[in-house]
Amino acid sequence: MALYSLVLLLLYKRNIKLENWLLYNGIFMSEISKFNSLVQDGNLYYNKQQYEKSSRLYERAGQFAINNSLSKEKIKEVFWLAITSWISACKIDNIFRILK
């Protein structure tokens, strides 16, 4: 409960309404869960040796991460997964599209 009071005090000092803060964090968490869902689906297809589908999902997750300003670590990681999947699918030409 003390943590909740501290958050309220900090928000009050910054003149931020609690509803706006909760809304922002809710949107951010839904973006993270969408990103994680794309990566998990890519992992499923990769494990089923459906490398083209997995690489497309990883690329989509990477573009999603860029558009929603997620961390650079996540962006690099997911594009590396896409590159690995394209190599596994023997579609080397598609790697250059990612590297652009």
C-alpha atoms as a PDB file:
ATOM      1  CA  MET A   1       0.000   0.000   0.000  1.00  0.00           C
ATOM      2  CA  ALA A   2       2.905   2.329   0.709  1.00  0.00           C
ATOM      3  CA  LEU A   3       4.153   1.912  -2.854  1.00  0.00           C
ATOM      4  CA  TYR A   4       0.731   2.874  -4.198  1.00  0.00           C
ATOM      5  CA  SER A   5       0.763   6.036  -2.038  1.00  0.00           C
ATOM      6  CA  LEU A   6       4.251   6.889  -3.268  1.00  0.00           C
ATOM      7  CA  VAL A   7       3.172   6.516  -6.906  1.00  0.00           C
ATOM      8  CA  LEU A   8       0.161   8.756  -6.290  1.00  0.00           C
ATOM      9  CA  LEU A   9       2.366  11.386  -4.633  1.00  0.00           C
ATOM     10  CA  LEU A  10       4.863  11.347  -7.507  1.00  0.00           C
ATOM     11  CA  LEU A  11       2.075  11.614 -10.056  1.00  0.00           C
ATOM     12  CA  TYR A  12       0.503  14.486  -8.135  1.00  0.00           C
ATOM     13  CA  LYS A  13       3.821  16.353  -7.995  1.00  0.00           C
ATOM     14  CA  ARG A  14       4.224  15.919 -11.746  1.00  0.00           C
ATOM     15  CA  ASN A  15       0.620  17.005 -12.310  1.00  0.00           C
ATOM     16  CA  ILE A  16      -0.274  13.755 -14.039  1.00  0.00           C
ATOM     17  CA  LYS A  17      -3.683  12.251 -13.538  1.00  0.00           C
ATOM     18  CA  LEU A  18      -3.702   8.676 -12.333  1.00  0.00           C
ATOM     19  CA  GLU A  19      -6.128   7.673 -15.081  1.00  0.00           C
ATOM     20  CA  ASN A  20      -3.782   8.945 -17.785  1.00  0.00           C
ATOM     21  CA  TRP A  21      -0.828   7.170 -16.223  1.00  0.00           C
ATOM     22  CA  LEU A  22      -2.688   3.889 -15.941  1.00  0.00           C
ATOM     23  CA  LEU A  23      -3.961   4.234 -19.513  1.00  0.00           C
ATOM     24  CA  TYR A  24      -0.445   4.858 -20.817  1.00  0.00           C
ATOM     25  CA  ASN A  25       0.976   1.878 -18.955  1.00  0.00           C
ATOM     26  CA  GLY A  26      -1.906  -0.311 -20.093  1.00  0.00           C
ATOM     27  CA  ILE A  27      -1.233   0.588 -23.725  1.00  0.00           C
ATOM     28  CA  PHE A  28       2.477  -0.029 -23.265  1.00  0.00           C
ATOM     29  CA  MET A  29       1.854  -3.433 -21.683  1.00  0.00           C
ATOM     30  CA  SER A  30      -0.484  -4.416 -24.520  1.00  0.00           C
ATOM     31  CA  GLU A  31       2.244  -3.473 -27.014  1.00  0.00           C
ATOM     32  CA  ILE A  32       4.734  -5.664 -25.169  1.00  0.00           C
ATOM     33  CA  SER A  33       2.293  -8.567 -25.106  1.00  0.00           C
ATOM     34  CA  LYS A  34       1.603  -8.176 -28.857  1.00  0.00           C
ATOM     35  CA  PHE A  35       5.354  -8.172 -29.528  1.00  0.00           C
ATOM     36  CA  ASN A  36       5.863 -11.243 -27.326  1.00  0.00           C
ATOM     37  CA  SER A  37       2.975 -13.006 -29.065  1.00  0.00           C
ATOM     38  CA  LEU A  38       4.532 -12.452 -32.501  1.00  0.00           C
ATOM     39  CA  VAL A  39       7.896 -13.753 -31.284  1.00  0.00           C
ATOM     40  CA  GLN A  40       6.323 -16.806 -29.622  1.00  0.00           C
ATOM     41  CA  ASP A  41       4.387 -17.625 -32.787  1.00  0.00           C
ATOM     42  CA  GLY A  42       7.626 -17.299 -34.742  1.00  0.00           C
ATOM     43  CA  ASN A  43       9.292 -19.689 -32.310  1.00  0.00           C
ATOM     44  CA  LEU A  44       6.474 -22.207 -32.778  1.00  0.00           C
ATOM     45  CA  TYR A  45       6.855 -22.186 -36.549  1.00  0.00           C
ATOM     46  CA  TYR A  46      10.640 -22.360 -36.277  1.00  0.00           C
ATOM     47  CA  ASN A  47      10.398 -25.428 -34.042  1.00  0.00           C
ATOM     48  CA  LYS A  48       8.046 -27.008 -36.601  1.00  0.00           C
ATOM     49  CA  GLN A  49      10.722 -26.303 -39.242  1.00  0.00           C
ATOM     50  CA  GLN A  50       8.448 -23.858 -41.064  1.00  0.00           C
ATOM     51  CA  TYR A  51      11.221 -21.325 -41.413  1.00  0.00           C
ATOM     52  CA  GLU A  52       9.600 -18.949 -43.907  1.00  0.00           C
ATOM     53  CA  LYS A  53       6.559 -18.417 -41.692  1.00  0.00           C
ATOM     54  CA  SER A  54       8.735 -17.940 -38.641  1.00  0.00           C
ATOM     55  CA  SER A  55      10.986 -15.413 -40.343  1.00  0.00           C
ATOM     56  CA  ARG A  56       7.989 -13.391 -41.549  1.00  0.00           C
ATOM     57  CA  LEU A  57       6.625 -13.305 -38.012  1.00  0.00           C
ATOM     58  CA  TYR A  58      10.002 -12.242 -36.630  1.00  0.00           C
ATOM     59  CA  GLU A  59      10.214  -9.480 -39.229  1.00  0.00           C
ATOM     60  CA  ARG A  60       6.698  -8.347 -38.355  1.00  0.00           C
ATOM     61  CA  ALA A  61       7.688  -8.294 -34.662  1.00  0.00           C
ATOM     62  CA  GLY A  62      10.761  -6.236 -35.542  1.00  0.00           C
ATOM     63  CA  GLN A  63       8.729  -3.691 -37.491  1.00  0.00           C
ATOM     64  CA  PHE A  64       6.210  -3.586 -34.656  1.00  0.00           C
ATOM     65  CA  ALA A  65       9.039  -2.941 -32.184  1.00  0.00           C
ATOM     66  CA  ILE A  66      10.407  -0.117 -34.343  1.00  0.00           C
ATOM     67  CA  ASN A  67       6.991   1.506 -34.823  1.00  0.00           C
ATOM     68  CA  ASN A  68       6.238   1.361 -31.093  1.00  0.00           C
ATOM     69  CA  SER A  69       9.705   2.490 -29.982  1.00  0.00           C
ATOM     70  CA  LEU A  70      10.580  -0.639 -28.043  1.00  0.00           C
ATOM     71  CA  SER A  71      14.147  -1.153 -26.859  1.00  0.00           C
ATOM     72  CA  LYS A  72      16.954  -1.481 -29.376  1.00  0.00           C
ATOM     73  CA  GLU A  73      17.920  -4.786 -27.755  1.00  0.00           C
ATOM     74  CA  LYS A  74      14.530  -6.296 -28.591  1.00  0.00           C
ATOM     75  CA  ILE A  75      14.708  -4.964 -32.144  1.00  0.00           C
ATOM     76  CA  LYS A  76      18.181  -6.423 -32.729  1.00  0.00           C
ATOM     77  CA  GLU A  77      17.239  -9.728 -31.132  1.00  0.00           C
ATOM     78  CA  VAL A  78      14.114 -10.253 -33.216  1.00  0.00           C
ATOM     79  CA  PHE A  79      15.777  -9.286 -36.494  1.00  0.00           C
ATOM     80  CA  TRP A  80      18.613 -11.693 -35.671  1.00  0.00           C
ATOM     81  CA  LEU A  81      15.967 -14.407 -35.253  1.00  0.00           C
ATOM     82  CA  ALA A  82      14.523 -13.453 -38.649  1.00  0.00           C
ATOM     83  CA  ILE A  83      17.957 -13.666 -40.284  1.00  0.00           C
ATOM     84  CA  THR A  84      18.577 -17.060 -38.705  1.00  0.00           C
ATOM     85  CA  SER A  85      15.211 -18.292 -39.952  1.00  0.00           C
ATOM     86  CA  TRP A  86      15.851 -17.090 -43.503  1.00  0.00           C
ATOM     87  CA  ILE A  87      19.203 -18.904 -43.448  1.00  0.00           C
ATOM     88  CA  SER A  88      17.448 -22.056 -42.250  1.00  0.00           C
ATOM     89  CA  ALA A  89      14.937 -21.680 -45.083  1.00  0.00           C
ATOM     90  CA  CYS A  90      17.833 -21.257 -47.578  1.00  0.00           C
ATOM     91  CA  LYS A  91      16.416 -17.889 -48.656  1.00  0.00           C
ATOM     92  CA  ILE A  92      19.575 -15.814 -48.308  1.00  0.00           C
ATOM     93  CA  ASP A  93      18.276 -13.007 -50.558  1.00  0.00           C
ATOM     94  CA  ASN A  94      15.687 -12.055 -47.956  1.00  0.00           C
ATOM     95  CA  ILE A  95      18.412 -11.329 -45.407  1.00  0.00           C
ATOM     96  CA  PHE A  96      19.577  -8.312 -47.398  1.00  0.00           C
ATOM     97  CA  ARG A  97      16.097  -6.802 -47.147  1.00  0.00           C
ATOM     98  CA  ILE A  98      16.429  -6.899 -43.359  1.00  0.00           C
ATOM     99  CA  LEU A  99      19.921  -5.449 -43.370  1.00  0.00           C
ATOM    100  CA  LYS A 100      18.853  -2.363 -45.341  1.00  0.00           C
END
